[in-house]
Amino acid sequence: MKSLSFWLKEKLWLTPALYIVMAVLLSITFFYIDLLYIERLKPYIPSILLTNVDLAKTIMGSLSGALLTMTTFTFSTILVVLTMYSSQFSPRTLKNFIHDKITWRVLGIFLSGFIYNTLSLLFMRDDLYTTDVISTFVGILIAFFCLSTFAYFIHYIATHVQVGQLVNELIGDTEKAIAKLKELQENEDGKETEWNPVGIKETHHAEKEGYIQYLSFDKLVDYTEEHELEVEILVQTGDYIYEGKPIFHVFKTSETEVSAADFYSIGTSRTSEQDLDFAIQKLVEVALRAISPGINDPNTANEIIVRLGRLLGHLGQLKTGPFLLSGEEKGERVLYRFPTYKSVLYKTFYQIAHYGKEDISVLISIVESLTVAAELVPKRHHQELWDTHGYVLEAVDTQGLKLFDRETLQEKVDQLAVATGQHSYNILLTEKS
């Protein structure tokens, strides 16, 4: 089911196609209403809503041209937004706009309006109708609806392209991914159990190259219980795999044919649904673009960095390392290795630390972010957060900082030391305790 949902998400043309099919059916329906039933319905329809064939041709011809112009303008607007997303934010954020349901619904509405009026115009023939028709009035209503949709779309684009809106959306995607993994781990008993699989080991390899977009843990656990198998997952969500790369080790005690491809999805690009690294990477890339000399918007970068602290705090509440998944019978059947918290911290800050080492506001924001995370994570991760701050400041020329900059950074380091239970130090000294 999840593989089908990913397939549907990638097929962006499905939404406009659905609207077009509805428009075709609607035009055929009103064609037969005008042809067969309009005489019976006339007593119930105000005469002002009915038009003769010649007037209907004129109106529908004008509406078709107008709707086609609106559709062309909408396509142009979308291309401009895509260019801005790629240049100012990150190429990885294009998918957030491309997969936006509103965008494709608007296109579907415009295309369906054009299709309805064009087909209705095709059906308008003097030799078919002996009375007035109502199809024209329906076409006018559809045109009004398209016009209101167009006004809404302009408003939507104007608000959606703001960086704050994008950041909120990216953070929301990351929170959803964390929540799903947290729910997965909460369903387990959390006991430390050794992995001692029994049976003949069978290695399953990837059938094509791409990125692991989704791993169906629940489906895999149920399958292993049903067929009395044990499975070791050798990859993580977001990993790039090539054709023939080992994906699963399957341990079985009987001759059972296992189709490993049913339990994971491979695509040409990464997704944020389970891939936490990718979800955070998009936020980091927006921050990096903001502090670049070409854009020079450090305040946006600082806002993102500080808000990353809350996400890292929630991430730190998840279990890391090898994790055993079990089903209803509580038998550990599947082994999956979650990334360590230290690796998550490194991937989050190593680029920001490099490109922002000369911007004091970025350094202060990083330490603030680590402090926020320290207030949320269990104590077992405090040392990793403290070590991360040391890694970030390692390449900073603290001796060259101005007095107020040094005092502010020192204050933030002291606060992080309190949050992590560490001993603070003088940042002017080379040795850090």
Protein backbone atom coordinates (compact mmCIF):
# COMPACT_ATOMS: atom_id res chain seq x y z
CA MET A 1 0.00 0.00 0.00
CA LYS A 2 2.83 2.39 0.84
CA SER A 3 4.58 1.58 -2.44
CA LEU A 4 1.35 2.50 -4.23
CA SER A 5 1.12 5.78 -2.32
CA PHE A 6 4.68 6.70 -3.33
CA TRP A 7 3.85 5.85 -6.94
CA LEU A 8 0.77 8.07 -6.81
CA LYS A 9 2.75 10.94 -5.31
CA GLU A 10 5.29 10.78 -8.13
CA LYS A 11 2.58 10.84 -10.82
CA LEU A 12 1.79 14.53 -10.69
CA TRP A 13 -0.42 14.39 -13.79
CA LEU A 14 -3.04 12.28 -12.00
CA THR A 15 -4.79 15.26 -10.37
CA PRO A 16 -5.19 17.33 -13.57
CA ALA A 17 -6.18 14.16 -15.43
CA LEU A 18 -8.95 13.50 -12.91
CA TYR A 19 -10.34 17.01 -13.36
CA ILE A 20 -10.18 16.64 -17.15
CA VAL A 21 -12.13 13.38 -17.01
CA MET A 22 -14.77 15.09 -14.85
CA ALA A 23 -15.00 17.94 -17.38
CA VAL A 24 -15.46 15.51 -20.27
CA LEU A 25 -18.22 13.66 -18.41
CA LEU A 26 -19.88 16.95 -17.45
CA SER A 27 -19.89 18.22 -21.04
CA ILE A 28 -21.37 14.95 -22.32
CA THR A 29 -23.99 14.99 -19.57
CA PHE A 30 -25.21 18.50 -20.42
CA PHE A 31 -25.06 17.69 -24.11
CA TYR A 32 -27.66 14.97 -23.59
CA ILE A 33 -29.64 17.17 -21.19
CA ASP A 34 -29.86 19.89 -23.86
CA LEU A 35 -30.64 17.33 -26.54
CA LEU A 36 -33.22 15.17 -24.77
CA TYR A 37 -34.54 16.76 -21.57
CA ILE A 38 -34.36 20.54 -21.89
CA GLU A 39 -37.96 20.80 -23.14
CA ARG A 40 -39.25 19.03 -20.03
CA LEU A 41 -37.07 21.15 -17.75
CA LYS A 42 -37.91 24.54 -19.31
CA PRO A 43 -40.82 25.29 -16.93
CA TYR A 44 -38.41 24.98 -13.99
CA ILE A 45 -35.49 26.97 -15.47
CA PRO A 46 -35.51 30.80 -15.71
CA SER A 47 -35.42 31.81 -19.35
CA ILE A 48 -32.48 34.15 -18.75
CA LEU A 49 -30.27 31.11 -18.12
CA LEU A 50 -30.98 29.65 -21.54
CA THR A 51 -29.28 30.74 -24.78
CA ASN A 52 -29.68 29.92 -28.43
CA VAL A 53 -27.01 28.02 -30.33
CA ASP A 54 -25.43 31.02 -32.05
CA LEU A 55 -24.99 32.94 -28.80
CA ALA A 56 -23.72 29.79 -27.08
CA LYS A 57 -21.00 29.42 -29.73
CA THR A 58 -19.88 33.00 -29.26
CA ILE A 59 -19.75 32.80 -25.46
CA MET A 60 -18.05 29.40 -25.27
CA GLY A 61 -15.48 30.38 -27.88
CA SER A 62 -14.53 33.44 -25.83
CA LEU A 63 -14.44 31.46 -22.58
CA SER A 64 -12.20 28.77 -24.08
CA GLY A 65 -9.65 31.35 -25.20
CA ALA A 66 -9.72 33.16 -21.86
CA LEU A 67 -9.28 29.97 -19.84
CA LEU A 68 -6.41 28.82 -22.05
CA THR A 69 -4.70 32.18 -21.45
CA MET A 70 -5.16 31.82 -17.68
CA THR A 71 -3.73 28.30 -17.81
CA THR A 72 -0.67 29.51 -19.74
CA PHE A 73 -0.11 32.32 -17.24
CA THR A 74 -0.40 29.84 -14.36
CA PHE A 75 2.21 27.57 -15.91
CA SER A 76 4.53 30.56 -16.32
CA THR A 77 4.03 31.52 -12.67
CA ILE A 78 4.86 28.00 -11.55
CA LEU A 79 8.09 28.00 -13.57
CA VAL A 80 9.12 31.32 -12.00
CA VAL A 81 8.48 29.94 -8.51
CA LEU A 82 10.47 26.78 -9.30
CA THR A 83 13.40 28.90 -10.46
CA MET A 84 13.28 30.96 -7.26
CA TYR A 85 13.09 27.85 -5.05
CA SER A 86 16.14 26.40 -6.77
CA SER A 87 18.26 29.56 -6.71
CA GLN A 88 17.35 31.13 -3.36
CA PHE A 89 16.39 28.18 -1.16
CA SER A 90 17.66 24.80 -2.32
CA PRO A 91 17.15 22.44 -5.27
CA ARG A 92 16.01 19.86 -2.72
CA THR A 93 13.06 22.05 -1.74
CA LEU A 94 11.61 22.02 -5.26
CA LYS A 95 9.74 18.86 -4.42
CA ASN A 96 7.84 20.64 -1.66
CA PHE A 97 6.31 22.98 -4.21
CA ILE A 98 6.01 20.51 -7.09
CA HIS A 99 4.11 18.03 -4.92
CA ASP A 100 1.86 20.71 -3.48
CA LYS A 101 -1.75 19.58 -4.03
CA ILE A 102 -3.02 23.15 -4.42
CA THR A 103 -0.80 23.78 -7.43
CA TRP A 104 -2.00 20.78 -9.37
CA ARG A 105 -5.61 21.26 -8.37
CA VAL A 106 -5.53 24.79 -9.75
CA LEU A 107 -4.07 23.55 -13.01
CA GLY A 108 -6.69 20.80 -13.11
CA ILE A 109 -9.49 23.33 -12.62
CA PHE A 110 -8.22 25.57 -15.43
CA LEU A 111 -7.71 22.67 -17.83
CA SER A 112 -11.10 21.18 -17.01
CA GLY A 113 -12.77 24.54 -17.64
CA PHE A 114 -11.08 24.81 -21.03
CA ILE A 115 -11.97 21.22 -21.92
CA TYR A 116 -15.63 21.66 -20.93
CA ASN A 117 -16.14 24.80 -22.98
CA THR A 118 -14.24 23.41 -25.98
CA LEU A 119 -16.20 20.16 -26.06
CA SER A 120 -19.49 21.97 -25.51
CA LEU A 121 -18.59 24.27 -28.41
CA LEU A 122 -17.96 21.17 -30.53
CA PHE A 123 -21.43 19.85 -29.68
CA MET A 124 -23.17 23.12 -30.59
CA ARG A 125 -24.71 22.40 -34.00
CA ASP A 126 -27.79 23.97 -35.49
CA ASP A 127 -29.06 20.69 -36.91
CA LEU A 128 -29.06 19.02 -33.46
CA TYR A 129 -30.91 21.57 -31.35
CA THR A 130 -34.39 22.86 -31.90
CA THR A 131 -34.52 24.89 -28.70
CA ASP A 132 -32.32 26.91 -26.32
CA VAL A 133 -29.57 25.23 -24.30
CA ILE A 134 -28.29 25.48 -20.73
CA SER A 135 -24.73 24.26 -21.37
CA THR A 136 -23.61 27.85 -21.87
CA PHE A 137 -24.77 28.91 -18.42
CA VAL A 138 -22.88 25.98 -16.87
CA GLY A 139 -19.78 27.04 -18.82
CA ILE A 140 -20.10 30.57 -17.46
CA LEU A 141 -20.37 29.23 -13.91
CA ILE A 142 -17.24 27.16 -14.46
CA ALA A 143 -15.45 30.23 -15.83
CA PHE A 144 -16.40 32.24 -12.72
CA PHE A 145 -15.11 29.41 -10.54
CA CYS A 146 -11.86 29.34 -12.52
CA LEU A 147 -11.53 33.11 -12.09
CA SER A 148 -11.96 32.89 -8.31
CA THR A 149 -9.49 30.00 -8.26
CA PHE A 150 -7.01 32.12 -10.19
CA ALA A 151 -7.32 34.94 -7.64
CA TYR A 152 -6.80 32.45 -4.80
CA PHE A 153 -3.77 30.97 -6.57
CA ILE A 154 -2.09 34.38 -6.87
CA HIS A 155 -2.64 34.91 -3.13
CA TYR A 156 -1.38 31.41 -2.39
CA ILE A 157 1.79 31.89 -4.42
CA ALA A 158 2.50 35.26 -2.81
CA THR A 159 2.37 33.74 0.69
CA HIS A 160 3.86 30.36 -0.13
CA VAL A 161 7.12 31.65 -1.61
CA GLN A 162 8.06 33.39 1.63
CA VAL A 163 11.00 31.75 3.32
CA GLY A 164 9.22 31.63 6.67
CA GLN A 165 6.40 29.58 5.16
CA LEU A 166 8.89 27.19 3.57
CA VAL A 167 10.79 26.76 6.84
CA ASN A 168 7.56 25.98 8.70
CA GLU A 169 6.67 23.40 6.07
CA LEU A 170 10.10 21.75 6.22
CA ILE A 171 9.98 21.65 10.01
CA GLY A 172 6.50 20.13 9.83
CA ASP A 173 7.78 17.40 7.49
CA THR A 174 10.62 16.63 9.88
CA GLU A 175 8.29 16.48 12.87
CA LYS A 176 6.04 14.04 11.03
CA ALA A 177 9.02 11.79 10.25
CA ILE A 178 10.16 11.88 13.89
CA ALA A 179 6.64 11.12 15.10
CA LYS A 180 6.37 8.06 12.84
CA LEU A 181 9.67 6.62 14.04
CA LYS A 182 8.74 7.40 17.63
CA GLU A 183 5.44 5.56 17.21
CA LEU A 184 7.30 2.61 15.69
CA GLN A 185 9.67 2.42 18.65
CA GLU A 186 6.94 2.90 21.24
CA ASN A 187 5.19 -0.21 19.93
CA GLU A 188 8.21 -2.25 21.01
CA ASP A 189 8.95 -3.30 24.57
CA GLY A 190 12.33 -1.57 24.50
CA LYS A 191 14.23 -4.45 26.07
CA GLU A 192 17.84 -4.99 25.11
CA THR A 193 17.84 -8.30 23.28
CA GLU A 194 20.73 -10.00 21.57
CA TRP A 195 20.41 -10.79 17.89
CA ASN A 196 20.95 -14.50 17.45
CA PRO A 197 19.13 -15.51 14.27
CA VAL A 198 18.49 -19.18 13.57
CA GLY A 199 18.32 -20.77 10.16
CA ILE A 200 19.96 -20.64 6.77
CA LYS A 201 21.08 -17.15 5.78
CA GLU A 202 19.82 -15.90 2.45
CA THR A 203 20.94 -12.54 1.08
CA HIS A 204 18.54 -10.46 -0.99
CA HIS A 205 19.96 -7.86 -3.36
CA ALA A 206 18.57 -4.71 -4.92
CA GLU A 207 16.99 -5.16 -8.31
CA LYS A 208 17.75 -1.61 -9.46
CA GLU A 209 19.64 1.49 -8.40
CA GLY A 210 18.17 4.45 -6.57
CA TYR A 211 17.44 5.74 -3.08
CA ILE A 212 15.65 3.83 -0.34
CA GLN A 213 12.49 5.92 0.05
CA TYR A 214 10.49 3.77 2.41
CA LEU A 215 10.86 0.64 4.53
CA SER A 216 7.61 -1.13 5.43
CA PHE A 217 8.52 -2.25 8.96
CA ASP A 218 5.03 -3.37 10.03
CA LYS A 219 4.45 -5.36 6.86
CA LEU A 220 7.88 -6.98 7.13
CA VAL A 221 7.39 -7.94 10.79
CA ASP A 222 3.99 -9.49 10.06
CA TYR A 223 5.45 -11.43 7.15
CA THR A 224 8.33 -12.77 9.20
CA GLU A 225 5.97 -13.93 11.93
CA GLU A 226 3.67 -15.62 9.47
CA HIS A 227 6.50 -17.53 7.78
CA GLU A 228 8.76 -17.88 10.86
CA LEU A 229 11.62 -15.86 9.44
CA GLU A 230 14.21 -13.50 10.89
CA VAL A 231 15.43 -10.55 8.85
CA GLU A 232 18.39 -8.21 9.21
CA ILE A 233 17.96 -4.94 7.32
CA LEU A 234 21.32 -3.89 5.88
CA VAL A 235 20.38 -0.42 4.64
CA GLN A 236 18.80 2.70 6.06
CA THR A 237 16.13 4.95 4.61
CA GLY A 238 17.78 7.49 2.33
CA ASP A 239 20.75 5.29 1.40
CA TYR A 240 21.80 5.20 -2.23
CA ILE A 241 21.90 1.62 -3.48
CA TYR A 242 23.12 0.14 -6.72
CA GLU A 243 21.84 -2.89 -8.57
CA GLY A 244 22.98 -6.00 -6.75
CA LYS A 245 23.67 -4.31 -3.39
CA PRO A 246 22.66 -6.49 -0.39
CA ILE A 247 19.43 -5.22 1.17
CA PHE A 248 18.31 -7.96 3.58
CA HIS A 249 19.74 -11.01 5.31
CA VAL A 250 16.88 -13.47 5.66
CA PHE A 251 17.24 -16.38 8.08
CA LYS A 252 14.77 -19.19 7.44
CA THR A 253 14.30 -22.70 8.73
CA SER A 254 12.13 -23.90 5.86
CA GLU A 255 11.96 -23.59 2.10
CA THR A 256 10.08 -20.31 1.82
CA GLU A 257 10.23 -18.03 -1.18
CA VAL A 258 10.71 -14.47 0.04
CA SER A 259 10.13 -11.43 -2.18
CA ALA A 260 12.16 -8.73 -0.46
CA ALA A 261 11.10 -6.04 -2.95
CA ASP A 262 7.63 -6.00 -1.38
CA PHE A 263 8.98 -4.40 1.80
CA TYR A 264 10.87 -1.38 0.52
CA SER A 265 10.48 1.34 -2.08
CA ILE A 266 13.27 2.60 -4.36
CA GLY A 267 13.08 5.90 -6.21
CA THR A 268 15.27 8.31 -8.12
CA SER A 269 15.22 10.88 -5.30
CA ARG A 270 15.09 10.96 -1.52
CA THR A 271 11.91 11.65 0.44
CA SER A 272 11.31 13.06 3.92
CA GLU A 273 8.70 10.58 5.13
CA GLN A 274 11.21 8.30 6.90
CA ASP A 275 14.52 9.89 5.92
CA LEU A 276 15.34 12.19 8.84
CA ASP A 277 18.77 13.05 7.46
CA PHE A 278 17.21 14.35 4.26
CA ALA A 279 14.51 16.28 6.11
CA ILE A 280 17.14 18.06 8.19
CA GLN A 281 19.42 18.47 5.18
CA LYS A 282 16.81 20.59 3.40
CA LEU A 283 16.61 22.93 6.39
CA VAL A 284 20.39 23.12 6.57
CA GLU A 285 20.64 23.94 2.87
CA VAL A 286 18.16 26.80 3.19
CA ALA A 287 20.27 28.14 6.07
CA LEU A 288 23.46 27.79 4.03
CA ARG A 289 21.93 29.72 1.13
CA ALA A 290 20.86 32.43 3.56
CA ILE A 291 24.41 32.99 4.88
CA SER A 292 25.99 32.85 1.43
CA PRO A 293 27.42 36.16 0.10
CA GLY A 294 24.98 36.10 -2.81
CA ILE A 295 21.87 36.19 -0.61
CA ASN A 296 23.35 37.53 2.65
CA ASP A 297 20.39 36.85 4.95
CA PRO A 298 21.99 35.61 8.19
CA ASN A 299 18.89 36.29 10.29
CA THR A 300 16.96 33.64 8.38
CA ALA A 301 19.84 31.22 8.86
CA ASN A 302 19.97 31.94 12.58
CA GLU A 303 16.24 31.35 12.94
CA ILE A 304 16.55 27.99 11.20
CA ILE A 305 19.58 26.95 13.26
CA VAL A 306 17.88 27.73 16.58
CA ARG A 307 14.72 25.90 15.53
CA LEU A 308 16.85 22.92 14.55
CA GLY A 309 17.66 22.60 18.25
CA ARG A 310 14.08 21.60 19.06
CA LEU A 311 14.06 19.01 16.28
CA LEU A 312 17.36 17.60 17.48
CA GLY A 313 15.94 17.49 20.99
CA HIS A 314 13.01 15.36 19.83
CA LEU A 315 15.35 13.24 17.74
CA GLY A 316 17.48 12.57 20.81
CA GLN A 317 14.48 10.96 22.49
CA LEU A 318 14.51 8.17 19.90
CA LYS A 319 16.47 4.99 20.36
CA THR A 320 19.64 4.76 18.30
CA GLY A 321 21.84 1.97 17.06
CA PRO A 322 20.61 -1.63 16.55
CA PHE A 323 16.90 -2.02 17.27
CA LEU A 324 14.86 -5.20 17.26
CA LEU A 325 11.30 -5.12 15.96
CA SER A 326 8.75 -7.65 17.08
CA GLY A 327 5.14 -8.44 16.24
CA GLU A 328 2.13 -9.45 18.27
CA GLU A 329 3.86 -12.58 19.52
CA LYS A 330 6.69 -10.41 20.93
CA GLY A 331 9.30 -12.45 19.14
CA GLU A 332 12.15 -10.33 17.84
CA ARG A 333 12.06 -10.91 14.11
CA VAL A 334 13.60 -7.87 12.41
CA LEU A 335 16.88 -6.05 13.10
CA TYR A 336 17.23 -2.44 11.97
CA ARG A 337 20.07 -0.04 12.75
CA PHE A 338 19.03 3.52 13.47
CA PRO A 339 21.74 6.18 13.00
CA THR A 340 23.58 7.28 16.13
CA TYR A 341 22.79 10.64 17.69
CA LYS A 342 26.39 11.75 17.23
CA SER A 343 26.20 11.16 13.47
CA VAL A 344 22.94 13.14 13.29
CA LEU A 345 24.57 16.08 15.09
CA TYR A 346 27.59 15.95 12.82
CA LYS A 347 25.54 15.87 9.61
CA THR A 348 23.45 18.76 10.88
CA PHE A 349 26.26 21.15 11.78
CA TYR A 350 29.39 20.24 9.83
CA GLN A 351 28.52 22.39 6.81
CA ILE A 352 27.05 25.22 8.86
CA ALA A 353 30.17 25.23 11.06
CA HIS A 354 32.41 25.50 8.00
CA TYR A 355 30.59 28.24 6.12
CA GLY A 356 29.50 30.19 9.20
CA LYS A 357 32.71 30.14 11.22
CA GLU A 358 33.40 33.81 10.46
CA ASP A 359 29.88 35.00 11.34
CA ILE A 360 29.52 35.46 15.09
CA SER A 361 25.72 35.45 14.88
CA VAL A 362 25.79 31.98 13.29
CA LEU A 363 28.17 30.67 15.96
CA ILE A 364 25.95 32.03 18.72
CA SER A 365 22.89 30.47 17.10
CA ILE A 366 24.61 27.07 16.88
CA VAL A 367 25.42 27.11 20.59
CA GLU A 368 21.85 28.22 21.36
CA SER A 369 20.53 25.38 19.23
CA LEU A 370 22.65 22.85 21.12
CA THR A 371 21.38 24.30 24.40
CA VAL A 372 17.76 23.89 23.31
CA ALA A 373 18.47 20.31 22.30
CA ALA A 374 20.21 19.61 25.63
CA GLU A 375 17.11 20.72 27.53
CA LEU A 376 15.00 18.15 25.66
CA VAL A 377 17.19 15.07 25.22
CA PRO A 378 17.95 12.42 27.86
CA LYS A 379 21.17 12.87 29.83
CA ARG A 380 22.91 10.12 27.85
CA HIS A 381 23.23 12.54 24.92
CA HIS A 382 24.56 15.54 26.87
CA GLN A 383 28.19 14.64 26.27
CA GLU A 384 27.60 14.37 22.53
CA LEU A 385 26.03 17.83 22.45
CA TRP A 386 28.92 19.27 24.42
CA ASP A 387 31.44 17.63 22.11
CA THR A 388 29.60 19.02 19.09
CA HIS A 389 29.97 22.56 20.33
CA GLY A 390 33.68 21.95 20.75
CA TYR A 391 33.87 20.69 17.18
CA VAL A 392 32.09 23.81 15.91
CA LEU A 393 34.34 26.25 17.79
CA GLU A 394 37.50 24.33 17.00
CA ALA A 395 38.11 26.21 13.74
CA VAL A 396 37.04 29.61 15.12
CA ASP A 397 39.65 32.26 15.79
CA THR A 398 38.39 33.20 19.23
CA GLN A 399 41.42 35.42 19.77
CA GLY A 400 40.27 37.63 16.89
CA LEU A 401 36.75 38.13 18.21
CA LYS A 402 35.68 41.57 19.33
CA LEU A 403 35.04 42.11 23.02
CA PHE A 404 31.25 42.08 22.94
CA ASP A 405 31.18 39.17 20.50
CA ARG A 406 33.47 37.19 22.76
CA GLU A 407 31.43 37.98 25.85
CA THR A 408 28.16 36.95 24.18
CA LEU A 409 29.62 33.71 22.84
CA GLN A 410 31.12 32.98 26.26
CA GLU A 411 27.72 33.48 27.86
CA LYS A 412 26.12 31.02 25.43
CA VAL A 413 28.84 28.44 26.08
CA ASP A 414 28.28 28.82 29.84
CA GLN A 415 24.55 28.21 29.35
CA LEU A 416 25.27 25.09 27.29
CA ALA A 417 27.61 23.84 30.01
CA VAL A 418 24.82 24.20 32.59
CA ALA A 419 22.30 22.43 30.32
CA THR A 420 24.65 19.52 29.66
CA GLY A 421 26.08 19.26 33.16
CA GLN A 422 29.63 20.11 32.03
CA HIS A 423 32.29 22.45 33.35
CA SER A 424 32.52 25.63 31.36
CA TYR A 425 35.80 27.16 30.22
CA ASN A 426 37.28 30.39 28.89
CA ILE A 427 36.87 30.34 25.12
CA LEU A 428 40.14 32.25 24.76
CA LEU A 429 41.98 29.20 26.07
CA THR A 430 42.92 26.46 23.62
CA GLU A 431 42.07 23.64 26.01
CA LYS A 432 38.40 22.92 26.55
CA SER A 433 37.22 20.96 29.55
